[in-house]
Amino acid sequence: MNVVHCISSLDKNDGGPSRSVPLLCNAIAARGHYVELVHTSSPSQVPLVGTDFFKIQTCKPDSWIKSFKGSKALKNYIYSSNPDLFHGHALWQLPVHFMARSAQIKNIPYIISPRGMLEPGALKFSRWKKRVAGLGFQNKNLALAACIHATGELEAKNMRNYGLKNPIAIIPNGLTVNALPESIECKESKGGSRYVVFMSRIHPKKGLKFLVEAWAELQHIYPEWTLIIAGSNENNYENRLKFQAQKQAVFHRIKFAGPVFGAGKKELLERADLFVLPSLSENFGIVVAEALASGTPVITTKETPWEDLEHYRCGWWIQTGKSALTHALKSAMELPPEERSLMGRRGHSLIRDKYAISSVSEKMIFLYEWIVHKSSKPDFVYS
């Protein structure tokens, strides 16, 4: 099968899709399918490792319409492509619109993965831009897609609430899961220190205001614990958090680490005793999966699709807000280190069993075959 994937960019500051989409493309291509990934270049492109099996086409963006990632080169490339199927990732920008329009003209089926951009919290940001894009092209492109891809049941529900009537396929994002050491050992931090790590975009929707407030309440009780906030600074929101931390007399107990990638990211997740993502909106939260894969227990909110934290007893799935977050942090930090280590191992098992890229890519291929070859409808597709 010949599949062309399209995404606006692979900028490492754009969050999970810049990592999960190339990984998916490579896993599908490794199973014998021809896969291309078309995107516009960016100054902070994610390092493309593990891309041995598929073709990457990088196109120069046009300067006149940067807000919507317009690119004449990408449009021309997409319009010259004739795959069996198109697969677009993310919304509100022109590259996936070019893909959808080309598919409509040529009568080629296409899938769209909104990547969390139809979540209620996400729709609140840049409303004017999304209204323009929705009326101009996005709503029509979504309505004409052969299938919409959701990474979890919560995202699928929000797609229906948005008004989409297409079939929806629920397939999680996948990860490469490395084995943990056989022996069950506690994470030992230098000097007896312990670390709570947040890692994601520094953005209001990530719930960081509540995290700083909770930390201000707890820091005197747990002097051996340090909060590390790592991520790219969007619209100088990090400066607002630092001001908040100073005002609440907790700045000295928080380390702002900036964006971390590659080996540095892996090391920080493995070093963490707890991982926290107090998001107000998240379609998947691949960094949660990455933390669990590293053997670290997780605290995240019920605005993320991570109810498995409760089922596998590997973390805390809580309501949004300071009160619930404070209670969860207190419960987690009071656990014996051995118990946190066991929770981390259960989290690793969850990712290995349910989110390994091998099983995720197999499901995606089943979806492609159903759309292109009219094979039996997979049980994860809902009409």
Protein backbone atom coordinates (compact mmCIF):
# COMPACT_ATOMS: atom_id res chain seq x y z
CA MET A 1 0.00 0.00 0.00
CA ASN A 2 1.16 3.55 -0.80
CA VAL A 3 0.36 6.10 1.94
CA VAL A 4 1.28 9.79 2.08
CA HIS A 5 1.22 11.39 5.54
CA CYS A 6 1.09 15.17 5.92
CA ILE A 7 1.81 17.36 8.95
CA SER A 8 2.39 21.11 9.19
CA SER A 9 5.84 20.79 10.75
CA LEU A 10 8.06 18.58 12.85
CA ASP A 11 9.17 21.41 15.11
CA LYS A 12 10.33 19.93 18.42
CA ASN A 13 8.47 22.69 20.29
CA ASP A 14 5.11 21.64 18.82
CA GLY A 15 4.65 18.77 21.23
CA GLY A 16 3.97 15.07 20.83
CA PRO A 17 2.97 14.75 17.14
CA SER A 18 6.45 15.82 15.99
CA ARG A 19 7.71 12.61 17.63
CA SER A 20 4.78 10.21 17.38
CA VAL A 21 4.01 10.76 13.68
CA PRO A 22 7.50 9.89 12.33
CA LEU A 23 7.58 6.88 14.66
CA LEU A 24 4.24 5.68 13.28
CA CYS A 25 5.33 6.24 9.67
CA ASN A 26 8.49 4.24 10.22
CA ALA A 27 6.67 1.35 11.89
CA ILE A 28 4.10 1.14 9.07
CA ALA A 29 6.81 1.26 6.41
CA ALA A 30 8.80 -1.43 8.25
CA ARG A 31 5.85 -3.76 7.62
CA GLY A 32 6.37 -3.49 3.87
CA HIS A 33 4.26 -0.48 2.88
CA TYR A 34 5.48 2.57 0.98
CA VAL A 35 5.17 5.62 3.21
CA GLU A 36 6.01 9.29 2.68
CA LEU A 37 5.82 12.05 5.28
CA VAL A 38 5.44 15.57 3.87
CA HIS A 39 5.97 18.60 6.12
CA THR A 40 7.24 22.18 6.13
CA SER A 41 10.69 22.93 7.48
CA SER A 42 11.22 24.74 10.79
CA PRO A 43 14.26 26.16 12.59
CA SER A 44 13.79 23.77 15.53
CA GLN A 45 13.01 20.51 13.77
CA VAL A 46 12.95 17.40 15.92
CA PRO A 47 15.95 15.08 15.30
CA LEU A 48 14.69 12.45 12.88
CA VAL A 49 16.05 9.22 14.31
CA GLY A 50 14.62 5.80 13.53
CA THR A 51 13.40 6.81 10.07
CA ASP A 52 15.06 4.05 8.07
CA PHE A 53 12.03 2.77 6.16
CA PHE A 54 10.07 5.75 4.88
CA LYS A 55 10.64 8.85 2.77
CA ILE A 56 10.59 12.34 4.29
CA GLN A 57 9.76 15.27 2.03
CA THR A 58 10.65 18.64 3.58
CA CYS A 59 9.13 21.74 1.94
CA LYS A 60 9.97 25.38 2.45
CA PRO A 61 7.17 27.43 4.09
CA ASP A 62 6.04 30.69 2.50
CA SER A 63 6.78 33.81 4.50
CA TRP A 64 3.54 35.59 3.55
CA ILE A 65 1.21 33.27 5.46
CA LYS A 66 3.27 31.93 8.35
CA SER A 67 0.29 31.82 10.71
CA PHE A 68 -1.32 29.02 8.67
CA LYS A 69 1.97 27.36 7.59
CA GLY A 70 1.30 28.02 3.92
CA SER A 71 3.76 26.43 1.49
CA LYS A 72 3.47 26.48 -2.29
CA ALA A 73 6.18 23.83 -2.49
CA LEU A 74 4.21 21.50 -0.19
CA LYS A 75 0.99 22.17 -2.10
CA ASN A 76 2.65 21.32 -5.43
CA TYR A 77 4.19 18.16 -4.00
CA ILE A 78 0.91 16.96 -2.48
CA TYR A 79 -1.01 17.73 -5.69
CA SER A 80 1.48 15.63 -7.69
CA SER A 81 1.10 12.64 -5.34
CA ASN A 82 -1.21 9.73 -6.15
CA PRO A 83 -1.15 7.35 -3.19
CA ASP A 84 -3.77 4.80 -2.21
CA LEU A 85 -4.49 6.87 0.88
CA PHE A 86 -3.65 10.23 2.46
CA HIS A 87 -3.27 10.64 6.22
CA GLY A 88 -3.18 14.16 7.67
CA HIS A 89 -2.14 15.11 11.19
CA ALA A 90 -3.34 18.17 13.17
CA LEU A 91 -5.74 20.95 12.17
CA TRP A 92 -6.21 24.65 11.48
CA GLN A 93 -3.27 25.07 9.10
CA LEU A 94 -2.89 24.81 5.35
CA PRO A 95 -0.71 21.72 4.76
CA VAL A 96 -3.43 19.24 5.78
CA HIS A 97 -5.97 21.34 3.86
CA PHE A 98 -3.84 20.98 0.71
CA MET A 99 -3.76 17.23 1.35
CA ALA A 100 -7.54 17.01 1.82
CA ARG A 101 -8.26 19.15 -1.23
CA SER A 102 -5.95 17.07 -3.41
CA ALA A 103 -7.66 13.91 -2.18
CA GLN A 104 -11.10 15.35 -2.92
CA ILE A 105 -10.11 16.33 -6.46
CA LYS A 106 -8.59 12.92 -7.20
CA ASN A 107 -11.21 10.89 -5.31
CA ILE A 108 -8.54 9.40 -3.03
CA PRO A 109 -9.67 8.49 0.50
CA TYR A 110 -8.08 10.31 3.41
CA ILE A 111 -7.88 10.13 7.18
CA ILE A 112 -7.41 13.06 9.55
CA SER A 113 -5.86 12.77 13.02
CA PRO A 114 -6.78 16.01 14.82
CA ARG A 115 -4.09 15.39 17.47
CA GLY A 116 -6.09 16.99 20.26
CA MET A 117 -7.05 20.11 18.35
CA LEU A 118 -10.78 19.49 18.76
CA GLU A 119 -10.56 19.24 22.54
CA PRO A 120 -12.69 21.86 24.35
CA GLY A 121 -9.66 23.39 26.05
CA ALA A 122 -7.70 23.57 22.81
CA LEU A 123 -10.58 25.24 20.97
CA LYS A 124 -10.50 28.13 23.46
CA PHE A 125 -7.04 29.24 22.33
CA SER A 126 -6.60 31.34 19.15
CA ARG A 127 -10.36 31.28 18.62
CA TRP A 128 -10.35 33.80 15.78
CA LYS A 129 -7.82 31.81 13.79
CA LYS A 130 -9.78 28.58 14.26
CA ARG A 131 -13.06 30.22 13.27
CA VAL A 132 -11.49 31.53 10.08
CA ALA A 133 -9.95 28.15 9.29
CA GLY A 134 -13.14 26.28 10.21
CA LEU A 135 -15.37 28.34 7.94
CA GLY A 136 -12.77 28.58 5.19
CA PHE A 137 -11.77 24.94 4.83
CA GLN A 138 -11.38 22.88 8.00
CA ASN A 139 -14.98 21.85 8.72
CA LYS A 140 -15.55 20.70 5.14
CA ASN A 141 -12.28 18.76 5.10
CA LEU A 142 -13.21 17.00 8.33
CA ALA A 143 -16.71 16.15 7.10
CA LEU A 144 -15.42 14.55 3.88
CA ALA A 145 -12.73 12.39 5.52
CA ALA A 146 -13.18 8.63 5.16
CA CYS A 147 -12.37 8.29 8.85
CA ILE A 148 -11.24 10.42 11.78
CA HIS A 149 -8.52 9.03 14.06
CA ALA A 150 -8.79 9.54 17.83
CA THR A 151 -6.16 8.44 20.33
CA GLY A 152 -8.69 7.66 23.06
CA GLU A 153 -12.38 7.48 23.96
CA LEU A 154 -12.43 10.98 25.46
CA GLU A 155 -11.09 12.50 22.25
CA ALA A 156 -13.63 10.53 20.21
CA LYS A 157 -16.44 11.85 22.42
CA ASN A 158 -15.25 15.42 21.92
CA MET A 159 -15.15 14.86 18.15
CA ARG A 160 -18.81 13.85 18.24
CA ASN A 161 -19.57 16.91 20.36
CA TYR A 162 -17.89 19.05 17.70
CA GLY A 163 -20.39 17.63 15.21
CA LEU A 164 -18.38 15.05 13.28
CA LYS A 165 -20.45 12.14 11.95
CA ASN A 166 -17.64 10.21 10.23
CA PRO A 167 -16.47 6.80 11.38
CA ILE A 168 -13.97 7.28 14.21
CA ALA A 169 -11.05 4.91 14.77
CA ILE A 170 -9.66 4.82 18.30
CA ILE A 171 -5.96 3.95 18.16
CA PRO A 172 -3.51 5.24 20.79
CA ASN A 173 -0.15 6.76 20.02
CA GLY A 174 2.69 4.27 20.09
CA LEU A 175 6.12 4.21 21.67
CA THR A 176 9.30 2.26 21.38
CA VAL A 177 9.39 0.51 24.76
CA ASN A 178 12.80 -0.44 26.13
CA ALA A 179 13.09 -3.09 28.80
CA LEU A 180 13.63 -2.09 32.43
CA PRO A 181 16.30 -3.84 34.52
CA GLU A 182 15.09 -7.14 35.95
CA SER A 183 15.82 -6.21 39.57
CA ILE A 184 13.26 -4.01 41.33
CA GLU A 185 15.29 -1.20 42.82
CA CYS A 186 14.22 2.14 44.21
CA LYS A 187 15.20 5.24 42.31
CA GLU A 188 18.05 6.69 44.36
CA SER A 189 18.64 10.40 43.92
CA LYS A 190 21.91 12.08 44.72
CA GLY A 191 22.14 13.51 48.21
CA GLY A 192 18.81 11.98 49.21
CA SER A 193 16.89 14.44 47.04
CA ARG A 194 13.67 13.48 45.31
CA TYR A 195 12.24 14.95 42.12
CA VAL A 196 8.77 15.69 40.79
CA VAL A 197 9.04 16.40 37.07
CA PHE A 198 6.68 18.25 34.75
CA MET A 199 7.64 18.04 31.08
CA SER A 200 5.53 19.54 28.29
CA ARG A 201 4.87 22.88 26.65
CA ILE A 202 4.86 25.79 29.11
CA HIS A 203 1.30 26.82 28.29
CA PRO A 204 -1.77 27.82 30.34
CA LYS A 205 -3.70 24.71 29.29
CA LYS A 206 -1.13 22.50 31.01
CA GLY A 207 -2.40 23.48 34.47
CA LEU A 208 0.92 24.82 35.69
CA LYS A 209 -0.75 27.56 37.73
CA PHE A 210 -2.28 24.87 39.94
CA LEU A 211 1.03 23.03 40.15
CA VAL A 212 2.86 26.09 41.50
CA GLU A 213 0.04 26.74 43.97
CA ALA A 214 0.11 23.14 45.19
CA TRP A 215 3.87 23.19 45.49
CA ALA A 216 3.75 26.37 47.57
CA GLU A 217 1.48 24.55 50.02
CA LEU A 218 3.61 21.40 50.22
CA GLN A 219 7.21 22.55 49.95
CA HIS A 220 7.72 23.11 53.69
CA ILE A 221 6.39 19.63 54.51
CA TYR A 222 8.70 17.83 52.05
CA PRO A 223 12.04 19.69 52.02
CA GLU A 224 13.84 16.79 50.30
CA TRP A 225 11.67 17.13 47.17
CA THR A 226 12.34 19.48 44.23
CA LEU A 227 9.95 20.36 41.42
CA ILE A 228 11.48 20.46 37.93
CA ILE A 229 9.49 22.20 35.19
CA ALA A 230 10.86 21.38 31.74
CA GLY A 231 9.47 22.54 28.41
CA SER A 232 9.43 25.17 25.70
CA ASN A 233 8.28 28.64 26.76
CA GLU A 234 5.17 29.60 24.76
CA ASN A 235 4.35 33.31 24.60
CA ASN A 236 6.59 33.97 27.63
CA TYR A 237 4.21 32.07 29.92
CA GLU A 238 7.21 30.77 31.84
CA ASN A 239 7.93 34.32 33.03
CA ARG A 240 4.41 34.53 34.47
CA LEU A 241 4.97 31.25 36.31
CA LYS A 242 8.26 32.48 37.73
CA PHE A 243 6.57 35.64 38.96
CA GLN A 244 3.84 33.50 40.56
CA ALA A 245 6.47 31.28 42.22
CA GLN A 246 8.31 34.32 43.60
CA LYS A 247 5.08 35.83 44.89
CA GLN A 248 4.24 32.57 46.69
CA ALA A 249 7.79 32.27 48.09
CA VAL A 250 8.44 28.95 46.35
CA PHE A 251 10.78 30.00 43.51
CA HIS A 252 13.84 28.57 45.29
CA ARG A 253 12.20 25.13 45.35
CA ILE A 254 11.42 25.00 41.63
CA LYS A 255 13.92 24.43 38.86
CA PHE A 256 12.96 25.70 35.41
CA ALA A 257 14.96 23.44 33.11
CA GLY A 258 13.90 24.76 29.69
CA PRO A 259 13.13 22.40 26.80
CA VAL A 260 14.80 18.99 26.92
CA PHE A 261 15.08 16.50 24.09
CA GLY A 262 16.74 13.23 23.20
CA ALA A 263 19.13 11.78 25.77
CA GLY A 264 18.52 14.68 28.17
CA LYS A 265 14.80 14.01 28.17
CA LYS A 266 15.28 10.29 28.70
CA GLU A 267 17.66 10.92 31.58
CA LEU A 268 15.28 13.36 33.29
CA LEU A 269 12.31 11.00 33.06
CA GLU A 270 14.37 8.12 34.45
CA ARG A 271 15.69 10.35 37.24
CA ALA A 272 12.20 11.46 38.28
CA ASP A 273 10.54 9.90 41.31
CA LEU A 274 7.16 11.25 40.14
CA PHE A 275 5.87 12.74 36.92
CA VAL A 276 3.01 15.26 36.88
CA LEU A 277 0.93 16.63 34.00
CA PRO A 278 -2.01 18.66 35.46
CA SER A 279 -3.50 19.49 32.04
CA LEU A 280 -6.82 21.22 31.46
CA SER A 281 -7.08 19.51 28.06
CA GLU A 282 -5.13 16.65 26.47
CA ASN A 283 -6.16 14.23 23.74
CA PHE A 284 -3.43 11.73 24.64
CA GLY A 285 -0.40 13.19 26.39
CA ILE A 286 2.42 11.13 24.92
CA VAL A 287 4.79 12.40 27.60
CA VAL A 288 2.65 10.49 30.13
CA ALA A 289 3.33 7.31 28.19
CA GLU A 290 7.03 8.18 27.98
CA ALA A 291 7.21 8.71 31.75
CA LEU A 292 5.44 5.40 32.41
CA ALA A 293 7.74 3.63 29.96
CA SER A 294 10.71 4.92 31.97
CA GLY A 295 9.30 3.35 35.15
CA THR A 296 8.01 6.56 36.74
CA PRO A 297 4.57 6.84 38.42
CA VAL A 298 2.35 9.58 37.01
CA ILE A 299 -0.14 12.13 38.30
CA THR A 300 -2.43 13.54 35.64
CA THR A 301 -5.99 14.80 35.29
CA LYS A 302 -9.27 13.38 34.07
CA GLU A 303 -9.03 15.80 31.16
CA THR A 304 -6.49 13.30 29.76
CA PRO A 305 -7.39 9.75 28.61
CA TRP A 306 -5.29 8.03 31.26
CA GLU A 307 -7.83 6.11 33.36
CA ASP A 308 -5.42 3.17 32.99
CA LEU A 309 -3.37 4.79 35.75
CA GLU A 310 -6.05 3.54 38.13
CA HIS A 311 -6.63 0.18 36.43
CA TYR A 312 -2.92 -0.68 36.43
CA ARG A 313 -2.24 1.01 39.81
CA CYS A 314 0.61 3.04 38.40
CA GLY A 315 -0.46 6.59 39.20
CA TRP A 316 -3.18 9.06 40.13
CA TRP A 317 -5.99 10.14 37.75
CA ILE A 318 -7.48 13.25 39.34
CA GLN A 319 -9.83 16.18 38.86
CA THR A 320 -8.28 19.43 37.64
CA GLY A 321 -7.45 22.15 40.15
CA LYS A 322 -5.21 22.87 43.08
CA SER A 323 -7.07 20.85 45.73
CA ALA A 324 -7.01 17.48 43.94
CA LEU A 325 -3.43 18.04 42.77
CA THR A 326 -2.21 18.92 46.26
CA HIS A 327 -3.83 15.80 47.69
CA ALA A 328 -2.35 13.54 44.98
CA LEU A 329 1.15 14.99 45.37
CA LYS A 330 0.96 14.55 49.14
CA SER A 331 -0.18 10.93 48.78
CA ALA A 332 2.54 10.16 46.24
CA MET A 333 5.39 11.77 48.16
CA GLU A 334 4.42 10.00 51.39
CA LEU A 335 4.61 6.55 49.80
CA PRO A 336 7.67 4.42 50.62
CA PRO A 337 10.19 4.54 47.74
CA GLU A 338 9.73 0.80 47.23
CA GLU A 339 6.01 1.27 46.55
CA ARG A 340 6.66 4.06 44.04
CA SER A 341 9.15 1.76 42.32
CA LEU A 342 6.54 -1.01 42.08
CA MET A 343 4.04 1.47 40.67
CA GLY A 344 6.63 2.49 38.08
CA ARG A 345 7.08 -1.11 37.01
CA ARG A 346 3.34 -1.59 36.64
CA GLY A 347 3.28 1.55 34.47
CA HIS A 348 6.04 0.14 32.28
CA SER A 349 4.02 -3.06 31.84
CA LEU A 350 0.98 -0.99 30.81
CA ILE A 351 2.94 0.76 28.05
CA ARG A 352 4.61 -2.46 26.89
CA ASP A 353 1.29 -4.34 26.71
CA LYS A 354 -0.96 -1.65 25.24
CA TYR A 355 1.03 1.14 23.60
CA ALA A 356 4.03 -0.50 21.91
CA ILE A 357 4.48 0.93 18.42
CA SER A 358 4.38 -2.57 16.91
CA SER A 359 0.77 -3.17 17.97
CA VAL A 360 -0.29 0.43 17.24
CA SER A 361 1.08 0.32 13.68
CA GLU A 362 -0.65 -3.02 13.11
CA LYS A 363 -3.99 -1.46 14.03
CA MET A 364 -3.35 1.50 11.75
CA ILE A 365 -2.65 -0.83 8.83
CA PHE A 366 -5.92 -2.69 9.52
CA LEU A 367 -7.65 0.70 9.34
CA TYR A 368 -5.98 1.54 6.03
CA GLU A 369 -6.95 -1.83 4.54
CA TRP A 370 -10.58 -1.35 5.59
CA ILE A 371 -10.70 2.05 3.88
CA VAL A 372 -8.74 1.20 0.73
CA HIS A 373 -9.57 -2.47 0.13
CA LYS A 374 -13.03 -2.58 1.78
CA SER A 375 -11.95 -5.35 4.15
CA SER A 376 -13.83 -6.14 7.36
CA LYS A 377 -14.36 -3.16 9.63
CA PRO A 378 -11.95 -3.26 12.59
CA ASP A 379 -13.56 -3.49 16.03
CA PHE A 380 -11.91 -0.21 17.04
CA VAL A 381 -13.83 1.77 14.39
CA TYR A 382 -17.12 3.33 15.52
CA SER A 383 -19.73 4.58 13.08
